[in-house]
Amino acid sequence: MDKLKALIVTKYGFLHAKLGHFQLLGLLPNLKRIRLQHISDPSITRHLVQLKNLRKISLFMCNIGQAFSNCSIPISDAFPNLEEMNIDWCTELRELPADLCNLVQLKTLSITTCHMLRALPVETGKLVNLEVLRLRSCTNLLELPGSIRNLRKLHFLDISDCVGIKSLPEGIGEMISLRKLTMRRCWGLQGLPRSLLDLERYLNVVGGTGSSNFAPL
């Protein structure tokens, strides 16, 4: 078991399964990937153990509530080399802990169809190695934090179906590596910041109409 590299737990059917004793994962030093599907309140989000080799964690249709809040140890200490986090259809997720922004090795953060999520941590800009930020169908998300201007390696941003977002941070144009901005069906968005004009030559905006995408607010 100490050579196990991937742990996938899937519950089929309508009801969620409840699992515990995730602290035993500390006995799996080579674990690189975890995927949980249809799990209720997985204790992995509360009773963390250090997994230095973990690179990817995916939570799909899990009832995780206040994920990774009030943990036994900070998430950045538990998963110091995490590169990808996917949270999908976790409809009870309301917020993310600020300590998640100390996962400095994170390259992909995907949070999709989490309708109760209202905001990202203000410290999101500390994820300096982030390359992909996907926030699709987070319908109650109201804004992006101004600190995202510090995501200088980010090349893909997806806010499709985030109907609650009315504007983007003015400093978004400082994300010099941004090459694709996807914002399909962002009905509340009234325009894009002037700072994006600096990226017009390289940036592909999906969900608008040509050059009018760059109409300043």
C-alpha atoms as a PDB file:
ATOM      1  CA  MET A   1       0.000   0.000   0.000  1.00  0.00           C
ATOM      2  CA  ASP A   2       2.878   2.388   0.600  1.00  0.00           C
ATOM      3  CA  LYS A   3       3.423   2.461  -3.193  1.00  0.00           C
ATOM      4  CA  LEU A   4      -0.144   3.604  -3.952  1.00  0.00           C
ATOM      5  CA  LYS A   5      -0.117   6.710  -6.161  1.00  0.00           C
ATOM      6  CA  ALA A   6      -3.828   7.350  -6.827  1.00  0.00           C
ATOM      7  CA  LEU A   7      -6.896   7.106  -4.596  1.00  0.00           C
ATOM      8  CA  ILE A   8     -10.318   7.266  -6.281  1.00  0.00           C
ATOM      9  CA  VAL A   9     -13.487   6.891  -4.200  1.00  0.00           C
ATOM     10  CA  THR A  10     -16.818   7.008  -6.062  1.00  0.00           C
ATOM     11  CA  LYS A  11     -20.304   6.602  -4.587  1.00  0.00           C
ATOM     12  CA  TYR A  12     -23.025   5.769  -7.101  1.00  0.00           C
ATOM     13  CA  GLY A  13     -26.708   6.441  -6.515  1.00  0.00           C
ATOM     14  CA  PHE A  14     -28.673   9.371  -5.094  1.00  0.00           C
ATOM     15  CA  LEU A  15     -27.378   9.465  -1.524  1.00  0.00           C
ATOM     16  CA  HIS A  16     -23.918  10.608  -0.515  1.00  0.00           C
ATOM     17  CA  ALA A  17     -21.548   8.296   1.309  1.00  0.00           C
ATOM     18  CA  LYS A  18     -19.772   9.412   4.460  1.00  0.00           C
ATOM     19  CA  LEU A  19     -16.150   8.435   4.870  1.00  0.00           C
ATOM     20  CA  GLY A  20     -13.762   8.913   7.735  1.00  0.00           C
ATOM     21  CA  HIS A  21     -10.295   8.028   8.990  1.00  0.00           C
ATOM     22  CA  PHE A  22      -8.612   9.990   6.226  1.00  0.00           C
ATOM     23  CA  GLN A  23      -5.726  10.544   8.605  1.00  0.00           C
ATOM     24  CA  LEU A  24      -4.611   7.069   7.502  1.00  0.00           C
ATOM     25  CA  LEU A  25      -3.575   8.648   4.206  1.00  0.00           C
ATOM     26  CA  GLY A  26      -0.458   9.671   6.060  1.00  0.00           C
ATOM     27  CA  LEU A  27       0.639   6.054   5.630  1.00  0.00           C
ATOM     28  CA  LEU A  28       0.722   6.545   1.837  1.00  0.00           C
ATOM     29  CA  PRO A  29       3.855   8.634   1.250  1.00  0.00           C
ATOM     30  CA  ASN A  30       3.771   8.197  -2.549  1.00  0.00           C
ATOM     31  CA  LEU A  31       0.155   9.293  -3.056  1.00  0.00           C
ATOM     32  CA  LYS A  32      -0.022  11.794  -5.928  1.00  0.00           C
ATOM     33  CA  ARG A  33      -3.714  12.014  -6.815  1.00  0.00           C
ATOM     34  CA  ILE A  34      -6.991  11.944  -4.877  1.00  0.00           C
ATOM     35  CA  ARG A  35     -10.476  11.999  -6.412  1.00  0.00           C
ATOM     36  CA  LEU A  36     -13.648  11.840  -4.315  1.00  0.00           C
ATOM     37  CA  GLN A  37     -17.108  11.689  -5.886  1.00  0.00           C
ATOM     38  CA  HIS A  38     -20.488  11.911  -4.155  1.00  0.00           C
ATOM     39  CA  ILE A  39     -18.978  11.922  -0.668  1.00  0.00           C
ATOM     40  CA  SER A  40     -20.639  13.714   2.248  1.00  0.00           C
ATOM     41  CA  ASP A  41     -18.494  15.902   4.480  1.00  0.00           C
ATOM     42  CA  PRO A  42     -15.224  14.108   3.713  1.00  0.00           C
ATOM     43  CA  SER A  43     -12.966  14.414   6.716  1.00  0.00           C
ATOM     44  CA  ILE A  44     -10.043  15.004   4.359  1.00  0.00           C
ATOM     45  CA  THR A  45     -11.162  18.646   4.298  1.00  0.00           C
ATOM     46  CA  ARG A  46     -11.030  18.900   8.104  1.00  0.00           C
ATOM     47  CA  HIS A  47      -8.498  16.388   9.433  1.00  0.00           C
ATOM     48  CA  LEU A  48      -5.559  16.993   7.148  1.00  0.00           C
ATOM     49  CA  VAL A  49      -2.358  14.994   7.139  1.00  0.00           C
ATOM     50  CA  GLN A  50       0.823  15.931   5.375  1.00  0.00           C
ATOM     51  CA  LEU A  51       1.063  14.478   1.868  1.00  0.00           C
ATOM     52  CA  LYS A  52       4.228  15.944   0.403  1.00  0.00           C
ATOM     53  CA  ASN A  53       3.905  14.123  -2.930  1.00  0.00           C
ATOM     54  CA  LEU A  54       0.252  14.961  -3.593  1.00  0.00           C
ATOM     55  CA  ARG A  55      -0.058  16.806  -6.904  1.00  0.00           C
ATOM     56  CA  LYS A  56      -3.801  16.737  -7.664  1.00  0.00           C
ATOM     57  CA  ILE A  57      -7.025  16.651  -5.671  1.00  0.00           C
ATOM     58  CA  SER A  58     -10.521  16.515  -7.185  1.00  0.00           C
ATOM     59  CA  LEU A  59     -13.831  16.788  -5.331  1.00  0.00           C
ATOM     60  CA  PHE A  60     -16.937  16.082  -7.438  1.00  0.00           C
ATOM     61  CA  MET A  61     -20.489  16.369  -6.104  1.00  0.00           C
ATOM     62  CA  CYS A  62     -19.243  16.308  -2.512  1.00  0.00           C
ATOM     63  CA  ASN A  63     -21.005  18.003   0.402  1.00  0.00           C
ATOM     64  CA  ILE A  64     -17.960  19.789   1.753  1.00  0.00           C
ATOM     65  CA  GLY A  65     -19.537  22.883   3.335  1.00  0.00           C
ATOM     66  CA  GLN A  66     -16.755  25.154   4.605  1.00  0.00           C
ATOM     67  CA  ALA A  67     -14.023  23.178   2.901  1.00  0.00           C
ATOM     68  CA  PHE A  68     -10.572  23.160   4.490  1.00  0.00           C
ATOM     69  CA  SER A  69     -11.634  25.590   7.227  1.00  0.00           C
ATOM     70  CA  ASN A  70     -10.644  24.950  10.849  1.00  0.00           C
ATOM     71  CA  CYS A  71      -8.312  22.170   9.760  1.00  0.00           C
ATOM     72  CA  SER A  72      -5.951  20.343  12.067  1.00  0.00           C
ATOM     73  CA  ILE A  73      -3.014  21.811  10.101  1.00  0.00           C
ATOM     74  CA  PRO A  74      -2.913  24.496   7.382  1.00  0.00           C
ATOM     75  CA  ILE A  75      -3.702  23.185   3.916  1.00  0.00           C
ATOM     76  CA  SER A  76      -0.456  24.697   2.648  1.00  0.00           C
ATOM     77  CA  ASP A  77       1.470  22.512   5.110  1.00  0.00           C
ATOM     78  CA  ALA A  78      -0.583  19.426   4.298  1.00  0.00           C
ATOM     79  CA  PHE A  79      -0.218  19.685   0.503  1.00  0.00           C
ATOM     80  CA  PRO A  80       2.952  21.754  -0.050  1.00  0.00           C
ATOM     81  CA  ASN A  81       3.471  20.523  -3.628  1.00  0.00           C
ATOM     82  CA  LEU A  82      -0.126  20.499  -4.846  1.00  0.00           C
ATOM     83  CA  GLU A  83      -0.344  21.611  -8.489  1.00  0.00           C
ATOM     84  CA  GLU A  84      -4.015  21.105  -9.357  1.00  0.00           C
ATOM     85  CA  MET A  85      -7.268  21.439  -7.415  1.00  0.00           C
ATOM     86  CA  ASN A  86     -10.673  20.708  -8.942  1.00  0.00           C
ATOM     87  CA  ILE A  87     -13.941  21.344  -7.102  1.00  0.00           C
ATOM     88  CA  ASP A  88     -17.029  20.599  -9.190  1.00  0.00           C
ATOM     89  CA  TRP A  89     -20.737  20.508  -8.327  1.00  0.00           C
ATOM     90  CA  CYS A  90     -20.032  20.982  -4.621  1.00  0.00           C
ATOM     91  CA  THR A  91     -23.169  23.030  -4.173  1.00  0.00           C
ATOM     92  CA  GLU A  92     -22.739  23.729  -0.441  1.00  0.00           C
ATOM     93  CA  LEU A  93     -19.344  25.381  -0.830  1.00  0.00           C
ATOM     94  CA  ARG A  94     -19.650  28.995   0.333  1.00  0.00           C
ATOM     95  CA  GLU A  95     -16.070  30.160   0.724  1.00  0.00           C
ATOM     96  CA  LEU A  96     -12.472  29.083   0.504  1.00  0.00           C
ATOM     97  CA  PRO A  97      -9.965  29.583   3.312  1.00  0.00           C
ATOM     98  CA  ALA A  98      -7.303  32.241   2.908  1.00  0.00           C
ATOM     99  CA  ASP A  99      -4.610  29.634   3.560  1.00  0.00           C
ATOM    100  CA  LEU A 100      -5.441  27.987   0.242  1.00  0.00           C
ATOM    101  CA  CYS A 101      -3.637  30.952  -1.310  1.00  0.00           C
ATOM    102  CA  ASN A 102      -0.403  29.741   0.273  1.00  0.00           C
ATOM    103  CA  LEU A 103      -0.350  26.743  -2.078  1.00  0.00           C
ATOM    104  CA  VAL A 104       2.362  28.453  -4.067  1.00  0.00           C
ATOM    105  CA  GLN A 105       2.982  25.460  -6.370  1.00  0.00           C
ATOM    106  CA  LEU A 106      -0.635  25.455  -7.566  1.00  0.00           C
ATOM    107  CA  LYS A 107      -0.928  25.756 -11.353  1.00  0.00           C
ATOM    108  CA  THR A 108      -4.608  24.942 -11.918  1.00  0.00           C
ATOM    109  CA  LEU A 109      -7.563  25.962  -9.763  1.00  0.00           C
ATOM    110  CA  SER A 110     -10.936  24.874 -11.113  1.00  0.00           C
ATOM    111  CA  ILE A 111     -14.128  25.651  -9.196  1.00  0.00           C
ATOM    112  CA  THR A 112     -17.198  24.953 -11.313  1.00  0.00           C
ATOM    113  CA  THR A 113     -20.949  24.765 -10.681  1.00  0.00           C
ATOM    114  CA  CYS A 114     -20.566  25.742  -7.034  1.00  0.00           C
ATOM    115  CA  HIS A 115     -23.633  27.959  -6.850  1.00  0.00           C
ATOM    116  CA  MET A 116     -23.228  29.051  -3.212  1.00  0.00           C
ATOM    117  CA  LEU A 117     -19.707  30.413  -3.654  1.00  0.00           C
ATOM    118  CA  ARG A 118     -19.854  34.204  -3.352  1.00  0.00           C
ATOM    119  CA  ALA A 119     -16.211  35.278  -3.333  1.00  0.00           C
ATOM    120  CA  LEU A 120     -12.624  34.169  -3.657  1.00  0.00           C
ATOM    121  CA  PRO A 121     -10.125  34.975  -0.909  1.00  0.00           C
ATOM    122  CA  VAL A 122      -8.671  38.466  -1.201  1.00  0.00           C
ATOM    123  CA  GLU A 123      -5.240  36.806  -1.080  1.00  0.00           C
ATOM    124  CA  THR A 124      -5.802  34.917  -4.358  1.00  0.00           C
ATOM    125  CA  GLY A 125      -3.022  36.971  -5.935  1.00  0.00           C
ATOM    126  CA  LYS A 126      -0.495  35.047  -3.837  1.00  0.00           C
ATOM    127  CA  LEU A 127      -0.930  32.036  -6.151  1.00  0.00           C
ATOM    128  CA  VAL A 128       1.917  33.361  -8.259  1.00  0.00           C
ATOM    129  CA  ASN A 129       2.421  30.131 -10.246  1.00  0.00           C
ATOM    130  CA  LEU A 130      -1.236  29.759 -11.214  1.00  0.00           C
ATOM    131  CA  GLU A 131      -1.703  29.221 -14.951  1.00  0.00           C
ATOM    132  CA  VAL A 132      -5.385  28.236 -15.188  1.00  0.00           C
ATOM    133  CA  LEU A 133      -8.264  29.707 -13.167  1.00  0.00           C
ATOM    134  CA  ARG A 134     -11.653  28.226 -14.019  1.00  0.00           C
ATOM    135  CA  LEU A 135     -14.733  29.577 -12.216  1.00  0.00           C
ATOM    136  CA  ARG A 136     -17.456  28.438 -14.597  1.00  0.00           C
ATOM    137  CA  SER A 137     -21.107  28.438 -13.459  1.00  0.00           C
ATOM    138  CA  CYS A 138     -20.501  29.874  -9.999  1.00  0.00           C
ATOM    139  CA  THR A 139     -23.729  31.821 -10.302  1.00  0.00           C
ATOM    140  CA  ASN A 140     -23.536  33.646  -6.947  1.00  0.00           C
ATOM    141  CA  LEU A 141     -19.945  34.766  -7.398  1.00  0.00           C
ATOM    142  CA  LEU A 142     -20.121  38.561  -7.266  1.00  0.00           C
ATOM    143  CA  GLU A 143     -16.582  39.660  -8.059  1.00  0.00           C
ATOM    144  CA  LEU A 144     -12.960  38.703  -8.503  1.00  0.00           C
ATOM    145  CA  PRO A 145     -10.444  40.010  -5.966  1.00  0.00           C
ATOM    146  CA  GLY A 146      -8.243  42.882  -7.077  1.00  0.00           C
ATOM    147  CA  SER A 147      -5.164  40.895  -6.123  1.00  0.00           C
ATOM    148  CA  ILE A 148      -5.519  38.695  -9.230  1.00  0.00           C
ATOM    149  CA  ARG A 149      -3.439  41.344 -10.998  1.00  0.00           C
ATOM    150  CA  ASN A 150      -0.460  39.570  -9.428  1.00  0.00           C
ATOM    151  CA  LEU A 151      -1.152  36.330 -11.316  1.00  0.00           C
ATOM    152  CA  ARG A 152       1.506  37.073 -13.917  1.00  0.00           C
ATOM    153  CA  LYS A 153       1.696  33.448 -15.132  1.00  0.00           C
ATOM    154  CA  LEU A 154      -2.051  33.004 -15.633  1.00  0.00           C
ATOM    155  CA  HIS A 155      -2.846  32.335 -19.292  1.00  0.00           C
ATOM    156  CA  PHE A 156      -6.456  31.088 -19.071  1.00  0.00           C
ATOM    157  CA  LEU A 157      -9.368  32.604 -17.130  1.00  0.00           C
ATOM    158  CA  ASP A 158     -12.900  31.212 -17.438  1.00  0.00           C
ATOM    159  CA  ILE A 159     -15.837  32.993 -15.781  1.00  0.00           C
ATOM    160  CA  SER A 160     -18.547  31.623 -18.077  1.00  0.00           C
ATOM    161  CA  ASP A 161     -22.064  31.599 -16.591  1.00  0.00           C
ATOM    162  CA  CYS A 162     -20.967  33.681 -13.598  1.00  0.00           C
ATOM    163  CA  VAL A 163     -24.064  35.824 -13.979  1.00  0.00           C
ATOM    164  CA  GLY A 164     -23.484  37.751 -10.739  1.00  0.00           C
ATOM    165  CA  ILE A 165     -20.230  39.389 -11.849  1.00  0.00           C
ATOM    166  CA  LYS A 166     -20.841  42.963 -13.001  1.00  0.00           C
ATOM    167  CA  SER A 167     -17.257  44.094 -13.540  1.00  0.00           C
ATOM    168  CA  LEU A 168     -13.685  42.843 -13.576  1.00  0.00           C
ATOM    169  CA  PRO A 169     -10.842  44.333 -11.523  1.00  0.00           C
ATOM    170  CA  GLU A 170      -9.173  47.260 -13.257  1.00  0.00           C
ATOM    171  CA  GLY A 171      -5.734  45.745 -12.701  1.00  0.00           C
ATOM    172  CA  ILE A 172      -6.555  42.625 -14.700  1.00  0.00           C
ATOM    173  CA  GLY A 173      -4.511  44.055 -17.570  1.00  0.00           C
ATOM    174  CA  GLU A 174      -1.378  43.481 -15.490  1.00  0.00           C
ATOM    175  CA  MET A 175      -1.784  39.725 -15.997  1.00  0.00           C
ATOM    176  CA  ILE A 176       0.758  39.812 -18.792  1.00  0.00           C
ATOM    177  CA  SER A 177       0.536  36.092 -19.667  1.00  0.00           C
ATOM    178  CA  LEU A 178      -3.254  36.069 -20.097  1.00  0.00           C
ATOM    179  CA  ARG A 179      -4.077  34.704 -23.534  1.00  0.00           C
ATOM    180  CA  LYS A 180      -7.673  33.506 -23.237  1.00  0.00           C
ATOM    181  CA  LEU A 181     -10.585  35.024 -21.328  1.00  0.00           C
ATOM    182  CA  THR A 182     -13.795  33.009 -21.565  1.00  0.00           C
ATOM    183  CA  MET A 183     -16.962  34.723 -20.362  1.00  0.00           C
ATOM    184  CA  ARG A 184     -19.921  33.127 -22.105  1.00  0.00           C
ATOM    185  CA  ARG A 185     -23.343  34.125 -20.753  1.00  0.00           C
ATOM    186  CA  CYS A 186     -21.971  36.624 -18.243  1.00  0.00           C
ATOM    187  CA  TRP A 187     -25.165  38.613 -18.555  1.00  0.00           C
ATOM    188  CA  GLY A 188     -24.332  41.036 -15.747  1.00  0.00           C
ATOM    189  CA  LEU A 189     -20.918  42.041 -17.077  1.00  0.00           C
ATOM    190  CA  GLN A 190     -21.174  45.538 -18.529  1.00  0.00           C
ATOM    191  CA  GLY A 191     -17.769  45.843 -20.167  1.00  0.00           C
ATOM    192  CA  LEU A 192     -14.079  45.208 -19.712  1.00  0.00           C
ATOM    193  CA  PRO A 193     -11.496  47.367 -17.927  1.00  0.00           C
ATOM    194  CA  ARG A 194      -9.339  49.778 -19.907  1.00  0.00           C
ATOM    195  CA  SER A 195      -6.227  47.952 -18.752  1.00  0.00           C
ATOM    196  CA  LEU A 196      -7.123  45.005 -21.002  1.00  0.00           C
ATOM    197  CA  LEU A 197      -6.394  47.212 -24.010  1.00  0.00           C
ATOM    198  CA  ASP A 198      -2.715  46.526 -23.328  1.00  0.00           C
ATOM    199  CA  LEU A 199      -3.372  42.821 -23.986  1.00  0.00           C
ATOM    200  CA  GLU A 200      -5.674  43.230 -26.991  1.00  0.00           C
ATOM    201  CA  ARG A 201      -3.040  42.090 -29.465  1.00  0.00           C
ATOM    202  CA  TYR A 202      -2.546  38.736 -27.733  1.00  0.00           C
ATOM    203  CA  LEU A 203      -5.778  38.114 -25.831  1.00  0.00           C
ATOM    204  CA  ASN A 204      -8.564  35.914 -27.183  1.00  0.00           C
ATOM    205  CA  VAL A 205     -11.875  36.885 -25.589  1.00  0.00           C
ATOM    206  CA  VAL A 206     -14.581  34.233 -25.940  1.00  0.00           C
ATOM    207  CA  GLY A 207     -18.146  35.304 -25.307  1.00  0.00           C
ATOM    208  CA  GLY A 208     -18.178  38.775 -26.858  1.00  0.00           C
ATOM    209  CA  THR A 209     -18.263  40.327 -30.308  1.00  0.00           C
ATOM    210  CA  GLY A 210     -14.870  41.137 -31.735  1.00  0.00           C
ATOM    211  CA  SER A 211     -13.248  44.449 -30.866  1.00  0.00           C
ATOM    212  CA  SER A 212     -16.290  45.545 -28.865  1.00  0.00           C
ATOM    213  CA  ASN A 213     -15.021  43.185 -26.185  1.00  0.00           C
ATOM    214  CA  PHE A 214     -12.546  45.889 -25.304  1.00  0.00           C
ATOM    215  CA  ALA A 215     -15.079  48.644 -24.771  1.00  0.00           C
ATOM    216  CA  PRO A 216     -13.859  50.258 -21.529  1.00  0.00           C
ATOM    217  CA  LEU A 217     -16.072  50.572 -18.487  1.00  0.00           C
END
